[in-house]
């Protein structure tokens, strides 16, 4: 596993962390994608969460895609990464230096990128990904979701954002977004920036079929 340590560098300015590829591949371009999966560093309380993570990893590998994830071997992130690796996917982990003792890195990842902080971790993930898939997770996963949907709303990127609503985990989040729109703090068009699905299979179909957003 290759290690790349960026923790000794100063934080980049905003002009240095915007994603070099701000769009999703158009239909027909997406035979091989870099998929960023955001999910919990804990397994959650229901076995269905880990089952969905493992199935998503298998599907990513079987489709010949590359996985970018949070770098840790624990929780749902470890489940999806191990299965993706076993299924033949190239796996790249991105982990802040201060989390290495809390979220031990996945040793089988081809590459582990160490960043100084969470902000640069998210910037790297955003820049590397062609699309984002969210599984259940905690506050960190919610932070990552709001990062990608906010930057999509601001037209920083036009990459697909898909949430796998295992056991209706994201139902309260969807209700919150609907409430924000209803109260006039976001435009109704925000609903077109993300897609809620029930299964990993539907998530993969959604990523493959979504077009470049205008």
N, C-alpha and C. Protein backbone atom coordinates (compact mmCIF):
# COMPACT_ATOMS: atom_id res chain seq x y z
N UNK A 1 0.84 -1.20 0.00
CA UNK A 1 0.00 0.00 0.00
C UNK A 1 0.87 1.24 0.00
N UNK A 2 0.66 2.09 -0.97
CA UNK A 2 1.42 3.34 -1.04
C UNK A 2 0.86 4.34 -0.06
N UNK A 3 1.74 5.10 0.58
CA UNK A 3 1.33 6.16 1.50
C UNK A 3 1.78 7.49 0.93
N UNK A 4 0.87 8.45 0.98
CA UNK A 4 1.23 9.80 0.57
C UNK A 4 0.85 10.71 1.73
N UNK A 5 1.83 11.36 2.33
CA UNK A 5 1.58 12.19 3.50
C UNK A 5 1.64 13.66 3.11
N UNK A 6 0.50 14.33 3.25
CA UNK A 6 0.45 15.76 2.96
C UNK A 6 0.32 16.58 4.22
N UNK A 7 0.50 15.94 5.37
CA UNK A 7 0.23 16.62 6.62
C UNK A 7 1.22 17.72 6.94
N UNK A 8 2.38 17.72 6.30
CA UNK A 8 3.35 18.76 6.58
C UNK A 8 3.14 20.02 5.77
N UNK A 9 2.16 20.02 4.88
CA UNK A 9 1.94 21.16 4.03
C UNK A 9 0.95 22.12 4.66
N UNK A 10 1.08 23.38 4.32
CA UNK A 10 0.10 24.34 4.78
C UNK A 10 -1.19 24.13 4.04
N UNK A 11 -2.33 24.57 4.64
CA UNK A 11 -3.63 24.38 4.01
C UNK A 11 -3.68 25.16 2.71
N UNK A 12 -4.20 24.54 1.65
CA UNK A 12 -4.26 25.21 0.37
C UNK A 12 -5.31 26.29 0.37
N UNK A 13 -5.14 27.29 -0.46
CA UNK A 13 -6.16 28.31 -0.62
C UNK A 13 -7.31 27.74 -1.41
N UNK A 14 -8.46 28.46 -1.40
CA UNK A 14 -9.64 27.96 -2.09
C UNK A 14 -9.35 27.73 -3.56
N UNK A 15 -8.50 28.54 -4.16
CA UNK A 15 -8.21 28.38 -5.59
C UNK A 15 -7.45 27.11 -5.88
N UNK A 16 -6.85 26.52 -4.85
CA UNK A 16 -6.05 25.30 -5.06
C UNK A 16 -6.83 24.03 -4.78
N UNK A 17 -8.01 24.13 -4.17
CA UNK A 17 -8.72 22.92 -3.80
C UNK A 17 -10.00 22.72 -4.60
N UNK A 18 -10.30 23.60 -5.56
CA UNK A 18 -11.46 23.32 -6.37
C UNK A 18 -11.22 22.10 -7.24
N UNK A 19 -12.25 21.25 -7.44
CA UNK A 19 -12.03 20.04 -8.17
C UNK A 19 -11.62 20.29 -9.61
N UNK A 20 -10.57 19.64 -10.10
CA UNK A 20 -10.13 19.85 -11.46
C UNK A 20 -11.15 19.36 -12.48
N UNK A 21 -11.94 18.36 -12.12
CA UNK A 21 -12.98 17.87 -13.01
C UNK A 21 -14.31 18.14 -12.32
N UNK A 22 -15.02 19.20 -12.77
CA UNK A 22 -16.22 19.62 -12.06
C UNK A 22 -17.49 18.97 -12.56
N UNK A 23 -17.36 18.04 -13.51
CA UNK A 23 -18.57 17.45 -14.05
C UNK A 23 -18.54 15.94 -13.93
N UNK A 24 -19.73 15.36 -13.96
CA UNK A 24 -19.84 13.92 -14.01
C UNK A 24 -19.64 13.46 -15.44
N UNK A 25 -19.20 12.22 -15.65
CA UNK A 25 -19.08 11.72 -17.01
C UNK A 25 -20.44 11.69 -17.67
N UNK A 26 -20.53 12.07 -18.93
CA UNK A 26 -21.80 12.01 -19.62
C UNK A 26 -22.12 10.57 -19.98
N UNK A 27 -23.37 10.34 -20.33
CA UNK A 27 -23.81 8.99 -20.66
C UNK A 27 -22.94 8.41 -21.77
N UNK A 28 -22.41 7.21 -21.53
CA UNK A 28 -21.53 6.59 -22.51
C UNK A 28 -20.06 6.75 -22.17
N UNK A 29 -19.74 7.70 -21.24
CA UNK A 29 -18.34 7.88 -20.86
C UNK A 29 -17.98 7.07 -19.63
N UNK A 30 -18.98 6.50 -18.95
CA UNK A 30 -18.79 6.06 -17.58
C UNK A 30 -18.51 4.57 -17.44
N UNK A 31 -17.75 3.97 -18.37
CA UNK A 31 -17.45 2.57 -18.24
C UNK A 31 -16.58 2.31 -17.02
N UNK A 32 -15.74 3.25 -16.65
CA UNK A 32 -14.92 3.12 -15.44
C UNK A 32 -14.93 4.46 -14.71
N UNK A 33 -15.40 4.43 -13.47
CA UNK A 33 -15.57 5.65 -12.70
C UNK A 33 -14.79 5.58 -11.40
N UNK A 34 -14.50 6.74 -10.84
CA UNK A 34 -13.99 6.83 -9.47
C UNK A 34 -15.18 7.21 -8.60
N UNK A 35 -15.61 6.28 -7.77
CA UNK A 35 -16.77 6.48 -6.92
C UNK A 35 -16.32 6.75 -5.49
N UNK A 36 -16.77 7.87 -4.96
CA UNK A 36 -16.47 8.21 -3.57
C UNK A 36 -17.65 7.76 -2.71
N UNK A 37 -17.38 6.92 -1.72
CA UNK A 37 -18.42 6.43 -0.82
C UNK A 37 -18.21 7.06 0.56
N UNK A 38 -19.24 7.77 1.02
CA UNK A 38 -19.26 8.34 2.36
C UNK A 38 -20.13 7.46 3.23
N UNK A 39 -19.63 7.09 4.42
CA UNK A 39 -20.42 6.24 5.30
C UNK A 39 -19.80 6.24 6.69
N UNK A 40 -20.44 5.56 7.61
CA UNK A 40 -20.05 5.61 9.01
C UNK A 40 -18.78 4.83 9.32
N UNK A 41 -18.06 5.31 10.33
CA UNK A 41 -16.92 4.57 10.87
C UNK A 41 -17.36 3.62 11.97
N UNK A 42 -18.66 3.53 12.18
CA UNK A 42 -19.28 2.55 13.07
C UNK A 42 -20.21 1.67 12.25
N UNK A 43 -20.56 0.49 12.76
CA UNK A 43 -21.42 -0.41 11.99
C UNK A 43 -22.89 -0.07 12.08
N UNK A 44 -23.29 0.76 13.06
CA UNK A 44 -24.70 1.03 13.25
C UNK A 44 -25.38 -0.08 14.04
N UNK A 45 -26.67 0.09 14.30
CA UNK A 45 -27.39 -0.84 15.17
C UNK A 45 -28.11 -1.96 14.43
N UNK A 46 -28.18 -1.88 13.10
CA UNK A 46 -28.92 -2.91 12.35
C UNK A 46 -27.97 -3.57 11.36
N UNK A 47 -28.02 -4.90 11.27
CA UNK A 47 -27.14 -5.62 10.33
C UNK A 47 -27.32 -5.20 8.87
N UNK A 48 -28.47 -4.65 8.55
CA UNK A 48 -28.72 -4.26 7.16
C UNK A 48 -27.76 -3.19 6.68
N UNK A 49 -27.24 -2.36 7.59
CA UNK A 49 -26.31 -1.32 7.19
C UNK A 49 -25.01 -1.93 6.66
N UNK A 50 -24.46 -2.88 7.41
CA UNK A 50 -23.22 -3.53 6.98
C UNK A 50 -23.45 -4.38 5.74
N UNK A 51 -24.61 -5.01 5.65
CA UNK A 51 -24.93 -5.81 4.47
C UNK A 51 -24.96 -4.94 3.22
N UNK A 52 -25.55 -3.77 3.34
CA UNK A 52 -25.60 -2.85 2.19
C UNK A 52 -24.20 -2.37 1.81
N UNK A 53 -23.37 -2.10 2.83
CA UNK A 53 -22.00 -1.65 2.56
C UNK A 53 -21.21 -2.72 1.82
N UNK A 54 -21.32 -3.96 2.27
CA UNK A 54 -20.60 -5.05 1.60
C UNK A 54 -21.10 -5.24 0.17
N UNK A 55 -22.40 -5.18 -0.02
CA UNK A 55 -22.95 -5.37 -1.37
C UNK A 55 -22.51 -4.24 -2.30
N UNK A 56 -22.49 -3.01 -1.78
CA UNK A 56 -22.03 -1.90 -2.61
C UNK A 56 -20.58 -2.10 -3.01
N UNK A 57 -19.73 -2.52 -2.08
CA UNK A 57 -18.34 -2.78 -2.41
C UNK A 57 -18.18 -3.82 -3.49
N UNK A 58 -18.95 -4.91 -3.39
CA UNK A 58 -18.89 -5.96 -4.41
C UNK A 58 -19.28 -5.42 -5.78
N UNK A 59 -20.33 -4.61 -5.81
CA UNK A 59 -20.81 -4.07 -7.09
C UNK A 59 -19.81 -3.10 -7.71
N UNK A 60 -19.16 -2.31 -6.87
CA UNK A 60 -18.14 -1.38 -7.38
C UNK A 60 -17.00 -2.15 -8.03
N UNK A 61 -16.54 -3.18 -7.35
CA UNK A 61 -15.46 -3.99 -7.91
C UNK A 61 -15.87 -4.73 -9.16
N UNK A 62 -17.07 -5.32 -9.14
CA UNK A 62 -17.55 -6.10 -10.28
C UNK A 62 -17.72 -5.23 -11.52
N UNK A 63 -18.04 -3.95 -11.32
CA UNK A 63 -18.24 -3.04 -12.44
C UNK A 63 -16.93 -2.45 -12.97
N UNK A 64 -15.83 -2.74 -12.29
CA UNK A 64 -14.54 -2.22 -12.74
C UNK A 64 -14.29 -0.78 -12.35
N UNK A 65 -14.98 -0.30 -11.32
CA UNK A 65 -14.80 1.07 -10.87
C UNK A 65 -13.71 1.16 -9.80
N UNK A 66 -13.29 2.37 -9.52
CA UNK A 66 -12.32 2.66 -8.46
C UNK A 66 -13.07 3.23 -7.26
N UNK A 67 -12.64 2.86 -6.05
CA UNK A 67 -13.27 3.35 -4.82
C UNK A 67 -12.36 4.36 -4.13
N UNK A 68 -12.92 5.51 -3.79
CA UNK A 68 -12.28 6.45 -2.88
C UNK A 68 -13.14 6.49 -1.62
N UNK A 69 -12.49 6.35 -0.46
CA UNK A 69 -13.25 6.30 0.79
C UNK A 69 -12.42 6.93 1.91
N UNK A 70 -12.97 6.90 3.10
CA UNK A 70 -12.36 7.60 4.22
C UNK A 70 -11.10 7.00 4.80
N UNK A 71 -10.67 5.85 4.30
CA UNK A 71 -9.37 5.30 4.66
C UNK A 71 -9.35 4.33 5.81
N UNK A 72 -10.36 4.35 6.68
CA UNK A 72 -10.33 3.50 7.86
C UNK A 72 -10.81 2.08 7.61
N UNK A 73 -10.35 1.16 8.46
CA UNK A 73 -10.74 -0.24 8.33
C UNK A 73 -11.94 -0.58 9.19
N UNK A 74 -12.52 0.42 9.85
CA UNK A 74 -13.58 0.17 10.83
C UNK A 74 -14.94 0.54 10.26
N UNK A 75 -15.99 0.01 10.90
CA UNK A 75 -17.35 0.39 10.57
C UNK A 75 -17.75 0.08 9.14
N UNK A 76 -18.72 0.84 8.64
CA UNK A 76 -19.20 0.61 7.28
C UNK A 76 -18.14 0.91 6.25
N UNK A 77 -17.25 1.89 6.54
CA UNK A 77 -16.22 2.21 5.55
C UNK A 77 -15.27 1.03 5.34
N UNK A 78 -14.97 0.32 6.40
CA UNK A 78 -14.13 -0.86 6.26
C UNK A 78 -14.83 -1.97 5.49
N UNK A 79 -16.13 -2.13 5.75
CA UNK A 79 -16.89 -3.17 5.05
C UNK A 79 -16.91 -2.92 3.54
N UNK A 80 -17.25 -1.71 3.14
CA UNK A 80 -17.35 -1.44 1.70
C UNK A 80 -15.99 -1.54 1.02
N UNK A 81 -14.94 -1.07 1.70
CA UNK A 81 -13.61 -1.07 1.09
C UNK A 81 -13.05 -2.49 0.95
N UNK A 82 -13.22 -3.33 1.96
CA UNK A 82 -12.72 -4.70 1.87
C UNK A 82 -13.41 -5.46 0.73
N UNK A 83 -14.73 -5.32 0.64
CA UNK A 83 -15.46 -6.03 -0.40
C UNK A 83 -15.10 -5.51 -1.79
N UNK A 84 -14.92 -4.21 -1.90
CA UNK A 84 -14.53 -3.65 -3.20
C UNK A 84 -13.17 -4.18 -3.61
N UNK A 85 -12.24 -4.20 -2.65
CA UNK A 85 -10.89 -4.69 -2.95
C UNK A 85 -10.92 -6.17 -3.34
N UNK A 86 -11.69 -6.97 -2.61
CA UNK A 86 -11.78 -8.39 -2.92
C UNK A 86 -12.41 -8.64 -4.28
N UNK A 87 -13.26 -7.70 -4.71
CA UNK A 87 -13.93 -7.84 -6.00
C UNK A 87 -13.10 -7.25 -7.14
N UNK A 88 -11.90 -6.76 -6.83
CA UNK A 88 -10.99 -6.30 -7.88
C UNK A 88 -10.88 -4.81 -8.07
N UNK A 89 -11.55 -4.03 -7.23
CA UNK A 89 -11.49 -2.58 -7.39
C UNK A 89 -10.18 -2.02 -6.86
N UNK A 90 -9.71 -0.96 -7.50
CA UNK A 90 -8.63 -0.18 -6.92
C UNK A 90 -9.22 0.64 -5.78
N UNK A 91 -8.58 0.62 -4.63
CA UNK A 91 -9.12 1.26 -3.43
C UNK A 91 -8.13 2.32 -2.94
N UNK A 92 -8.62 3.53 -2.81
CA UNK A 92 -7.80 4.66 -2.34
C UNK A 92 -8.44 5.23 -1.09
N UNK A 93 -7.70 5.23 0.00
CA UNK A 93 -8.19 5.80 1.25
C UNK A 93 -7.61 7.18 1.49
N UNK A 94 -8.41 8.06 2.06
CA UNK A 94 -7.96 9.41 2.40
C UNK A 94 -8.30 9.64 3.86
N UNK A 95 -7.27 9.84 4.67
CA UNK A 95 -7.44 9.85 6.12
C UNK A 95 -6.67 11.00 6.75
N UNK A 96 -7.32 11.81 7.58
CA UNK A 96 -6.59 12.85 8.31
C UNK A 96 -5.61 12.23 9.31
N UNK A 97 -4.48 12.85 9.49
CA UNK A 97 -3.44 12.29 10.36
C UNK A 97 -3.95 12.05 11.78
N UNK A 98 -4.77 12.95 12.29
CA UNK A 98 -5.20 12.84 13.69
C UNK A 98 -6.19 11.70 13.93
N UNK A 99 -6.74 11.12 12.85
CA UNK A 99 -7.70 10.03 13.00
C UNK A 99 -7.06 8.65 12.90
N UNK A 100 -5.76 8.59 12.64
CA UNK A 100 -5.13 7.29 12.41
C UNK A 100 -5.25 6.36 13.62
N UNK A 101 -5.26 6.93 14.84
CA UNK A 101 -5.37 6.06 16.02
C UNK A 101 -6.82 5.72 16.33
N UNK A 102 -7.79 6.48 15.79
CA UNK A 102 -9.21 6.20 16.02
C UNK A 102 -9.80 5.35 14.91
N UNK A 103 -9.33 5.54 13.71
CA UNK A 103 -9.80 4.79 12.55
C UNK A 103 -8.60 4.16 11.85
N UNK A 104 -8.08 3.05 12.36
CA UNK A 104 -6.88 2.45 11.78
C UNK A 104 -7.04 2.23 10.27
N UNK A 105 -6.02 2.57 9.49
CA UNK A 105 -6.14 2.48 8.03
C UNK A 105 -6.34 1.05 7.55
N UNK A 106 -7.06 0.93 6.44
CA UNK A 106 -7.24 -0.36 5.79
C UNK A 106 -5.94 -0.75 5.10
N UNK A 107 -5.33 -1.84 5.53
CA UNK A 107 -4.00 -2.20 5.04
C UNK A 107 -4.01 -2.66 3.58
N UNK A 108 -5.16 -3.14 3.10
CA UNK A 108 -5.20 -3.66 1.73
C UNK A 108 -5.48 -2.60 0.68
N UNK A 109 -5.64 -1.35 1.09
CA UNK A 109 -5.86 -0.28 0.10
C UNK A 109 -4.59 -0.09 -0.72
N UNK A 110 -4.75 0.16 -2.02
CA UNK A 110 -3.59 0.39 -2.87
C UNK A 110 -2.84 1.64 -2.47
N UNK A 111 -3.60 2.65 -2.06
CA UNK A 111 -2.98 3.93 -1.73
C UNK A 111 -3.70 4.53 -0.53
N UNK A 112 -2.92 5.08 0.39
CA UNK A 112 -3.47 5.79 1.54
C UNK A 112 -2.90 7.20 1.53
N UNK A 113 -3.77 8.17 1.39
CA UNK A 113 -3.37 9.57 1.39
C UNK A 113 -3.65 10.15 2.76
N UNK A 114 -2.64 10.66 3.42
CA UNK A 114 -2.78 11.26 4.75
C UNK A 114 -2.85 12.78 4.59
N UNK A 115 -3.90 13.38 5.12
CA UNK A 115 -4.07 14.83 5.04
C UNK A 115 -3.94 15.44 6.44
N UNK A 116 -3.70 16.75 6.51
CA UNK A 116 -3.54 17.38 7.82
C UNK A 116 -4.86 17.50 8.59
N UNK A 117 -5.99 17.56 7.87
CA UNK A 117 -7.25 17.85 8.56
C UNK A 117 -8.43 17.34 7.73
N UNK A 118 -9.61 17.46 8.31
CA UNK A 118 -10.82 17.01 7.64
C UNK A 118 -11.13 17.82 6.39
N UNK A 119 -10.83 19.11 6.43
CA UNK A 119 -11.14 19.97 5.31
C UNK A 119 -10.40 19.53 4.04
N UNK A 120 -9.10 19.24 4.19
CA UNK A 120 -8.34 18.80 3.03
C UNK A 120 -8.72 17.38 2.61
N UNK A 121 -9.14 16.56 3.58
CA UNK A 121 -9.65 15.23 3.21
C UNK A 121 -10.85 15.37 2.29
N UNK A 122 -11.82 16.21 2.67
CA UNK A 122 -13.01 16.39 1.84
C UNK A 122 -12.67 16.99 0.48
N UNK A 123 -11.73 17.94 0.48
CA UNK A 123 -11.33 18.56 -0.79
C UNK A 123 -10.74 17.53 -1.74
N UNK A 124 -9.92 16.62 -1.21
CA UNK A 124 -9.31 15.58 -2.06
C UNK A 124 -10.37 14.62 -2.60
N UNK A 125 -11.29 14.25 -1.72
CA UNK A 125 -12.34 13.32 -2.14
C UNK A 125 -13.23 13.95 -3.21
N UNK A 126 -13.58 15.20 -3.00
CA UNK A 126 -14.40 15.91 -3.97
C UNK A 126 -13.70 16.01 -5.31
N UNK A 127 -12.40 16.29 -5.28
CA UNK A 127 -11.64 16.45 -6.52
C UNK A 127 -11.47 15.14 -7.28
N UNK A 128 -11.29 14.04 -6.56
CA UNK A 128 -10.99 12.77 -7.21
C UNK A 128 -12.22 12.06 -7.75
N UNK A 129 -13.38 12.33 -7.18
CA UNK A 129 -14.57 11.53 -7.48
C UNK A 129 -15.26 11.95 -8.77
N UNK A 130 -15.85 10.96 -9.45
CA UNK A 130 -16.78 11.21 -10.54
C UNK A 130 -18.22 11.24 -10.05
N UNK A 131 -18.47 10.60 -8.90
CA UNK A 131 -19.81 10.57 -8.32
C UNK A 131 -19.67 10.23 -6.85
N UNK A 132 -20.73 10.53 -6.10
CA UNK A 132 -20.73 10.31 -4.65
C UNK A 132 -21.90 9.40 -4.28
N UNK A 133 -21.60 8.38 -3.46
CA UNK A 133 -22.63 7.48 -2.95
C UNK A 133 -22.56 7.54 -1.42
N UNK A 134 -23.70 7.75 -0.80
CA UNK A 134 -23.77 7.85 0.66
C UNK A 134 -24.50 6.65 1.24
N UNK A 135 -23.88 6.03 2.21
CA UNK A 135 -24.49 5.02 3.05
C UNK A 135 -24.76 5.65 4.42
N UNK A 136 -25.54 4.99 5.28
CA UNK A 136 -25.76 5.54 6.62
C UNK A 136 -24.45 5.84 7.35
N UNK A 137 -24.50 6.86 8.17
CA UNK A 137 -23.33 7.27 8.94
C UNK A 137 -23.71 8.35 9.93
N UNK A 138 -22.72 8.83 10.66
CA UNK A 138 -22.96 9.80 11.72
C UNK A 138 -22.75 11.23 11.27
N UNK A 139 -22.28 12.05 12.20
CA UNK A 139 -22.13 13.48 11.93
C UNK A 139 -21.12 13.74 10.82
N UNK A 140 -20.05 12.95 10.78
CA UNK A 140 -19.06 13.13 9.73
C UNK A 140 -19.64 12.86 8.35
N UNK A 141 -20.47 11.82 8.26
CA UNK A 141 -21.12 11.50 6.99
C UNK A 141 -22.09 12.60 6.59
N UNK A 142 -22.80 13.15 7.57
CA UNK A 142 -23.71 14.27 7.27
C UNK A 142 -22.92 15.50 6.81
N UNK A 143 -21.79 15.74 7.44
CA UNK A 143 -20.94 16.86 7.03
C UNK A 143 -20.50 16.68 5.58
N UNK A 144 -20.13 15.47 5.22
CA UNK A 144 -19.69 15.20 3.85
C UNK A 144 -20.85 15.34 2.86
N UNK A 145 -22.03 14.90 3.26
CA UNK A 145 -23.21 15.07 2.40
C UNK A 145 -23.47 16.56 2.14
N UNK A 146 -23.49 17.36 3.20
CA UNK A 146 -23.78 18.78 3.01
C UNK A 146 -22.67 19.49 2.24
N UNK A 147 -21.44 19.00 2.37
CA UNK A 147 -20.34 19.56 1.58
C UNK A 147 -20.60 19.36 0.08
N UNK A 148 -20.95 18.13 -0.31
CA UNK A 148 -21.10 17.87 -1.74
C UNK A 148 -22.37 18.47 -2.30
N UNK A 149 -23.46 18.49 -1.53
CA UNK A 149 -24.68 19.06 -2.08
C UNK A 149 -24.62 20.59 -2.10
N UNK A 150 -23.93 21.19 -1.13
CA UNK A 150 -23.78 22.65 -1.13
C UNK A 150 -22.93 23.09 -2.30
N UNK A 151 -21.83 22.39 -2.53
CA UNK A 151 -20.97 22.76 -3.67
C UNK A 151 -21.67 22.48 -4.99
N UNK A 152 -22.53 21.46 -5.05
CA UNK A 152 -23.33 21.23 -6.26
C UNK A 152 -24.32 22.37 -6.46
N UNK A 153 -24.96 22.82 -5.37
CA UNK A 153 -25.91 23.92 -5.46
C UNK A 153 -25.24 25.20 -5.96
N UNK A 154 -23.98 25.38 -5.59
CA UNK A 154 -23.22 26.56 -6.00
C UNK A 154 -22.52 26.37 -7.34
N UNK A 155 -22.80 25.25 -8.01
CA UNK A 155 -22.25 24.95 -9.34
C UNK A 155 -20.74 24.77 -9.34
N UNK A 156 -20.18 24.38 -8.20
CA UNK A 156 -18.77 24.02 -8.15
C UNK A 156 -18.54 22.71 -8.91
N UNK A 157 -19.51 21.81 -8.84
CA UNK A 157 -19.42 20.56 -9.60
C UNK A 157 -20.83 20.15 -10.02
N UNK A 158 -20.89 19.18 -10.96
CA UNK A 158 -22.16 18.65 -11.44
C UNK A 158 -22.12 17.12 -11.37
N UNK A 159 -21.60 16.61 -10.31
CA UNK A 159 -21.42 15.17 -10.16
C UNK A 159 -22.62 14.54 -9.46
N UNK A 160 -23.00 13.33 -9.85
CA UNK A 160 -24.14 12.67 -9.21
C UNK A 160 -23.93 12.47 -7.71
N UNK A 161 -25.01 12.66 -6.96
CA UNK A 161 -25.03 12.45 -5.51
C UNK A 161 -26.17 11.47 -5.23
N UNK A 162 -25.82 10.29 -4.73
CA UNK A 162 -26.81 9.24 -4.52
C UNK A 162 -26.76 8.79 -3.06
N UNK A 163 -27.93 8.69 -2.44
CA UNK A 163 -28.02 8.23 -1.05
C UNK A 163 -28.78 6.91 -1.02
N UNK A 164 -28.18 5.90 -0.39
CA UNK A 164 -28.82 4.60 -0.25
C UNK A 164 -29.59 4.60 1.07
N UNK A 165 -30.90 4.62 0.96
CA UNK A 165 -31.78 4.83 2.12
C UNK A 165 -32.08 3.49 2.82
N UNK A 166 -31.04 2.88 3.36
CA UNK A 166 -31.17 1.58 4.02
C UNK A 166 -32.06 1.73 5.26
N UNK A 167 -33.11 0.92 5.34
CA UNK A 167 -34.03 0.96 6.49
C UNK A 167 -34.58 2.38 6.71
N UNK A 168 -34.73 3.13 5.62
CA UNK A 168 -35.24 4.52 5.65
C UNK A 168 -34.39 5.41 6.55
N UNK A 169 -33.09 5.11 6.58
CA UNK A 169 -32.19 5.89 7.44
C UNK A 169 -32.19 7.37 7.08
N UNK A 170 -32.26 7.68 5.79
CA UNK A 170 -32.17 9.07 5.36
C UNK A 170 -33.53 9.77 5.26
N UNK A 171 -34.60 9.12 5.71
CA UNK A 171 -35.92 9.76 5.66
C UNK A 171 -35.96 11.08 6.42
N UNK A 172 -35.39 11.18 7.63
CA UNK A 172 -35.38 12.48 8.32
C UNK A 172 -34.54 13.53 7.59
N UNK A 173 -33.46 13.11 6.93
CA UNK A 173 -32.65 14.06 6.17
C UNK A 173 -33.44 14.62 4.99
N UNK A 174 -34.15 13.75 4.28
CA UNK A 174 -34.97 14.21 3.17
C UNK A 174 -36.05 15.18 3.66
N UNK A 175 -36.64 14.86 4.80
CA UNK A 175 -37.65 15.75 5.37
C UNK A 175 -37.05 17.11 5.73
N UNK A 176 -35.82 17.10 6.23
CA UNK A 176 -35.14 18.36 6.56
C UNK A 176 -34.91 19.20 5.32
N UNK A 177 -34.42 18.57 4.24
CA UNK A 177 -34.18 19.31 3.00
C UNK A 177 -35.50 19.88 2.47
N UNK A 178 -36.58 19.08 2.52
CA UNK A 178 -37.88 19.57 2.08
C UNK A 178 -38.34 20.75 2.93
N UNK A 179 -38.07 20.69 4.22
CA UNK A 179 -38.43 21.77 5.13
C UNK A 179 -37.64 23.05 4.83
N UNK A 180 -36.35 22.89 4.55
CA UNK A 180 -35.51 24.05 4.19
C UNK A 180 -36.04 24.72 2.94
N UNK A 181 -36.43 23.91 1.96
CA UNK A 181 -37.00 24.46 0.73
C UNK A 181 -38.33 25.14 1.01
N UNK A 182 -39.20 24.48 1.79
CA UNK A 182 -40.52 25.04 2.08
C UNK A 182 -40.44 26.37 2.82
N UNK A 183 -39.40 26.54 3.63
CA UNK A 183 -39.25 27.77 4.40
C UNK A 183 -38.48 28.85 3.64
N UNK A 184 -38.13 28.58 2.39
CA UNK A 184 -37.53 29.59 1.55
C UNK A 184 -36.04 29.78 1.69
N UNK A 185 -35.36 28.79 2.31
CA UNK A 185 -33.90 28.91 2.48
C UNK A 185 -33.11 28.15 1.42
N UNK A 186 -33.79 27.48 0.54
CA UNK A 186 -33.16 26.85 -0.63
C UNK A 186 -34.22 26.79 -1.72
N UNK A 187 -33.77 26.74 -2.95
CA UNK A 187 -34.70 26.68 -4.07
C UNK A 187 -35.19 25.25 -4.29
N UNK A 188 -36.38 25.11 -4.84
CA UNK A 188 -36.90 23.75 -5.11
C UNK A 188 -35.97 22.92 -5.99
N UNK A 189 -35.17 23.58 -6.83
CA UNK A 189 -34.28 22.86 -7.73
C UNK A 189 -33.24 22.01 -7.00
N UNK A 190 -33.06 22.26 -5.69
CA UNK A 190 -32.07 21.48 -4.94
C UNK A 190 -32.43 19.99 -4.95
N UNK A 191 -33.72 19.68 -5.10
CA UNK A 191 -34.14 18.27 -5.12
C UNK A 191 -33.53 17.50 -6.28
N UNK A 192 -33.20 18.21 -7.36
CA UNK A 192 -32.63 17.54 -8.52
C UNK A 192 -31.14 17.26 -8.36
N UNK A 193 -30.54 17.74 -7.29
CA UNK A 193 -29.10 17.58 -7.10
C UNK A 193 -28.73 16.25 -6.48
N UNK A 194 -29.71 15.54 -5.91
CA UNK A 194 -29.41 14.26 -5.28
C UNK A 194 -30.52 13.27 -5.57
N UNK A 195 -30.19 11.99 -5.41
CA UNK A 195 -31.13 10.91 -5.70
C UNK A 195 -31.15 9.95 -4.52
N UNK A 196 -32.35 9.64 -4.02
CA UNK A 196 -32.51 8.67 -2.95
C UNK A 196 -32.93 7.33 -3.55
N UNK A 197 -32.23 6.26 -3.17
CA UNK A 197 -32.56 4.92 -3.65
C UNK A 197 -32.61 3.98 -2.46
N UNK A 198 -33.13 2.77 -2.69
CA UNK A 198 -33.32 1.83 -1.58
C UNK A 198 -32.20 0.81 -1.44
N UNK A 199 -31.49 0.53 -2.52
CA UNK A 199 -30.52 -0.57 -2.50
C UNK A 199 -29.22 -0.17 -3.20
N UNK A 200 -28.14 -0.90 -2.92
CA UNK A 200 -26.88 -0.67 -3.64
C UNK A 200 -27.03 -0.86 -5.14
N UNK A 201 -27.85 -1.83 -5.55
CA UNK A 201 -28.05 -2.08 -6.99
C UNK A 201 -28.66 -0.85 -7.65
N UNK A 202 -29.65 -0.26 -7.00
CA UNK A 202 -30.28 0.95 -7.54
C UNK A 202 -29.28 2.11 -7.57
N UNK A 203 -28.41 2.17 -6.57
CA UNK A 203 -27.41 3.24 -6.54
C UNK A 203 -26.47 3.14 -7.73
N UNK A 204 -26.03 1.93 -8.04
CA UNK A 204 -25.13 1.76 -9.17
C UNK A 204 -25.82 2.09 -10.49
N UNK A 205 -27.10 1.71 -10.61
CA UNK A 205 -27.84 2.06 -11.82
C UNK A 205 -28.01 3.57 -11.93
N UNK A 206 -28.25 4.22 -10.79
CA UNK A 206 -28.44 5.68 -10.80
C UNK A 206 -27.16 6.39 -11.23
N UNK A 207 -26.02 5.95 -10.69
CA UNK A 207 -24.75 6.57 -11.05
C UNK A 207 -24.46 6.39 -12.54
N UNK A 208 -24.78 5.21 -13.07
CA UNK A 208 -24.51 4.92 -14.47
C UNK A 208 -25.41 5.69 -15.42
N UNK A 209 -26.62 6.05 -14.97
CA UNK A 209 -27.59 6.65 -15.88
C UNK A 209 -27.69 8.15 -15.76
N UNK A 210 -27.21 8.72 -14.66
CA UNK A 210 -27.35 10.18 -14.49
C UNK A 210 -26.54 10.93 -15.52
N UNK A 211 -27.13 11.94 -16.10
CA UNK A 211 -26.46 12.75 -17.11
C UNK A 211 -25.76 13.93 -16.45
N UNK A 212 -24.91 14.61 -17.21
CA UNK A 212 -24.30 15.85 -16.76
C UNK A 212 -25.41 16.86 -16.50
N UNK A 213 -25.38 17.45 -15.32
CA UNK A 213 -26.42 18.42 -14.99
C UNK A 213 -26.13 19.76 -15.64
N UNK A 214 -27.17 20.38 -16.18
CA UNK A 214 -27.02 21.68 -16.84
C UNK A 214 -26.79 22.77 -15.80
